[in-house]
Protein backbone atom coordinates (compact mmCIF):
# COMPACT_ATOMS: atom_id res chain seq x y z
CA MET A 1 -26.59 6.01 -12.50
CA ASP A 2 -23.16 5.90 -13.99
CA ARG A 3 -20.20 5.94 -11.88
CA HIS A 4 -18.97 9.80 -12.97
CA THR A 5 -22.92 11.07 -11.43
CA PHE A 6 -22.86 8.77 -8.74
CA PHE A 7 -18.99 10.35 -7.52
CA ALA A 8 -20.05 13.92 -8.21
CA THR A 9 -23.30 13.25 -6.21
CA CYS A 10 -21.39 11.89 -3.47
CA LYS A 11 -18.78 14.60 -3.28
CA TRP A 12 -21.30 17.44 -3.60
CA THR A 13 -23.68 15.55 -0.31
CA ALA A 14 -20.17 15.39 1.82
CA MET A 15 -19.19 18.91 0.76
CA GLY A 16 -23.07 19.70 2.26
CA ALA A 17 -22.45 18.04 5.25
CA VAL A 18 -18.98 19.51 6.37
CA LEU A 19 -20.63 22.52 5.20
CA ALA A 20 -23.38 21.98 7.61
CA LEU A 21 -20.94 20.84 10.54
CA ALA A 22 -18.93 23.97 10.07
CA THR A 23 -22.00 26.00 10.43
CA GLY A 24 -23.48 24.47 13.71
CA CYS A 25 -19.48 24.25 15.24
CA ALA A 26 -19.35 28.12 14.78
CA SER A 27 -22.61 29.10 16.67
CA GLU A 28 -22.19 31.72 18.70
CA SER A 29 -24.52 30.36 21.67
CA GLY A 30 -23.12 27.52 23.72
CA LEU A 31 -24.85 25.34 25.79
CA TYR A 32 -24.50 28.04 29.00
CA GLN A 33 -24.96 31.61 28.79
CA TRP A 34 -21.41 32.67 30.92
CA GLY A 35 -22.11 36.28 31.03
CA GLY A 36 -18.64 37.31 30.62
CA TYR A 37 -17.26 35.42 33.35
CA ASP A 38 -13.95 34.17 31.63
CA THR A 39 -13.14 37.76 30.68
CA ALA A 40 -13.91 39.23 34.48
CA LEU A 41 -11.93 36.38 35.63
CA TYR A 42 -8.71 37.04 33.93
CA SER A 43 -9.08 40.22 34.66
CA ALA A 44 -9.12 40.02 38.57
CA TYR A 45 -6.29 37.45 38.29
CA LYS A 46 -4.53 40.06 36.31
CA ASN A 47 -5.10 42.98 38.63
CA PRO A 48 -6.91 41.45 42.12
CA GLY A 49 -8.08 44.99 42.59
CA ASN A 50 -10.93 43.75 39.93
CA VAL A 51 -12.17 40.94 42.27
CA VAL A 52 -15.26 43.24 43.26
CA THR A 53 -15.89 43.70 39.58
CA LEU A 54 -15.90 40.19 38.99
CA GLN A 55 -18.18 39.43 41.95
CA THR A 56 -20.64 42.25 40.74
CA LYS A 57 -20.90 40.98 37.37
CA LEU A 58 -21.30 37.36 38.61
CA GLU A 59 -24.44 38.57 40.66
CA GLN A 60 -25.61 40.34 37.98
CA HIS A 61 -25.49 37.31 35.51
CA ILE A 62 -26.90 34.63 38.05
CA ALA A 63 -29.91 37.17 38.72
CA ALA A 64 -30.26 37.60 35.18
CA MET A 65 -30.38 33.75 34.24
CA GLY A 66 -33.23 33.79 37.27
CA THR A 67 -35.36 36.31 35.66
CA ALA A 68 -34.91 34.45 32.06
CA ARG A 69 -35.67 31.01 33.99
CA GLN A 70 -32.28 29.80 32.37
CA LYS A 71 -29.69 26.90 34.28
CA VAL A 72 -26.93 28.70 35.81
CA ALA A 73 -23.91 27.54 33.92
CA PRO A 74 -22.19 25.23 36.45
CA GLY A 75 -19.02 26.77 38.85
CA LEU A 76 -20.53 30.33 38.82
CA HIS A 77 -22.22 29.75 42.40
CA ALA A 78 -19.37 28.23 43.43
CA GLU A 79 -17.11 30.94 42.36
CA LEU A 80 -19.35 33.67 43.64
CA GLY A 81 -19.46 31.91 47.15
CA SER A 82 -15.74 31.66 47.21
CA LEU A 83 -15.67 35.50 46.60
CA TYR A 84 -18.11 35.65 48.91
CA LEU A 85 -15.74 33.69 51.52
CA GLN A 86 -12.82 35.88 50.40
CA ALA A 87 -14.56 38.81 51.71
CA GLY A 88 -15.35 37.29 55.14
CA ARG A 89 -19.24 36.80 53.82
CA ASN A 90 -19.24 32.88 54.88
CA ASP A 91 -22.99 32.80 55.67
CA GLU A 92 -23.60 34.00 52.10
CA ALA A 93 -20.68 31.71 50.51
CA ILE A 94 -22.30 28.64 52.32
CA ALA A 95 -25.61 29.74 50.45
CA GLN A 96 -24.29 29.79 46.98
CA TYR A 97 -22.03 26.12 47.92
CA ARG A 98 -25.63 24.53 48.27
CA LEU A 99 -26.99 26.60 45.59
CA GLU A 100 -24.06 25.28 43.40
CA ARG A 101 -25.03 21.35 44.90
CA ALA A 102 -28.32 21.67 44.09
CA LEU A 103 -27.90 22.64 40.20
CA TRP A 104 -24.71 20.53 39.68
CA PRO A 105 -25.19 17.03 41.40
CA GLU A 106 -21.82 15.97 40.52
CA SER A 107 -20.06 19.03 42.51
CA GLN A 108 -21.63 17.20 45.69
CA THR A 109 -18.66 16.19 47.29
CA LEU A 110 -16.59 19.14 47.06
CA MET A 111 -19.50 21.56 48.08
CA ASP A 112 -20.32 19.27 50.91
CA ALA A 113 -16.80 19.65 52.07
CA LEU A 114 -16.58 23.36 51.59
CA ILE A 115 -20.03 23.57 53.39
CA GLN A 116 -19.24 21.30 56.43
CA THR A 117 -15.84 22.90 56.76
CA LEU A 118 -17.49 26.55 57.02
CA GLU A 119 -20.17 25.22 59.42
CA ASN A 120 -17.75 23.65 61.64
CA ARG A 121 -15.56 27.25 61.67
CA ASN A 122 -18.94 29.20 62.72
CA LYS A 123 -19.74 26.69 65.52
CA LYS A 124 -16.38 27.53 67.05
CA PRO A 125 -16.35 30.26 69.52
CA GLY A 126 -15.90 33.29 67.55
CA GLY A 127 -17.20 32.14 64.46
CA THR A 128 -20.04 33.95 63.48
CA GLY A 129 -19.59 33.93 60.19
CA GLN A 130 -17.78 36.64 59.69
CA LYS A 131 -14.21 37.13 58.07
CA ASN A 132 -11.73 34.72 60.11
CA THR A 133 -8.50 36.46 59.87
CA GLU A 134 -6.68 33.00 60.77
CA ALA A 135 -8.38 31.42 57.43
CA ALA A 136 -7.25 34.60 55.31
CA SER A 137 -3.85 34.16 56.05
């Protein structure tokens, strides 16, 4: 193989590799399915009245992931738990934090701290797992 043919072959091989990598990076499917979480979260930040919509979207998406037997993206159970906590649904928040911890062991320290705080709050007189007006302020 002469020098000109060798460089032409290398050029076309390099261009093919770049094209293959670019095509792979442009793929629509990511590692996890987020179910429109980013858009709903932005909407809820922009207009706090949309928090119920965010909660509903998360509930529906998590249910769909369970039906499809796919792993829920990291942080979604924790986010749903925090929404439940804001709504005064402490027991449901704890359940979501436990699911997050089970699916994502790297979240264990944070989830354990949240769970322990809520369980301790529930043990206090009047702490029934319902909305605590002192914690909301």
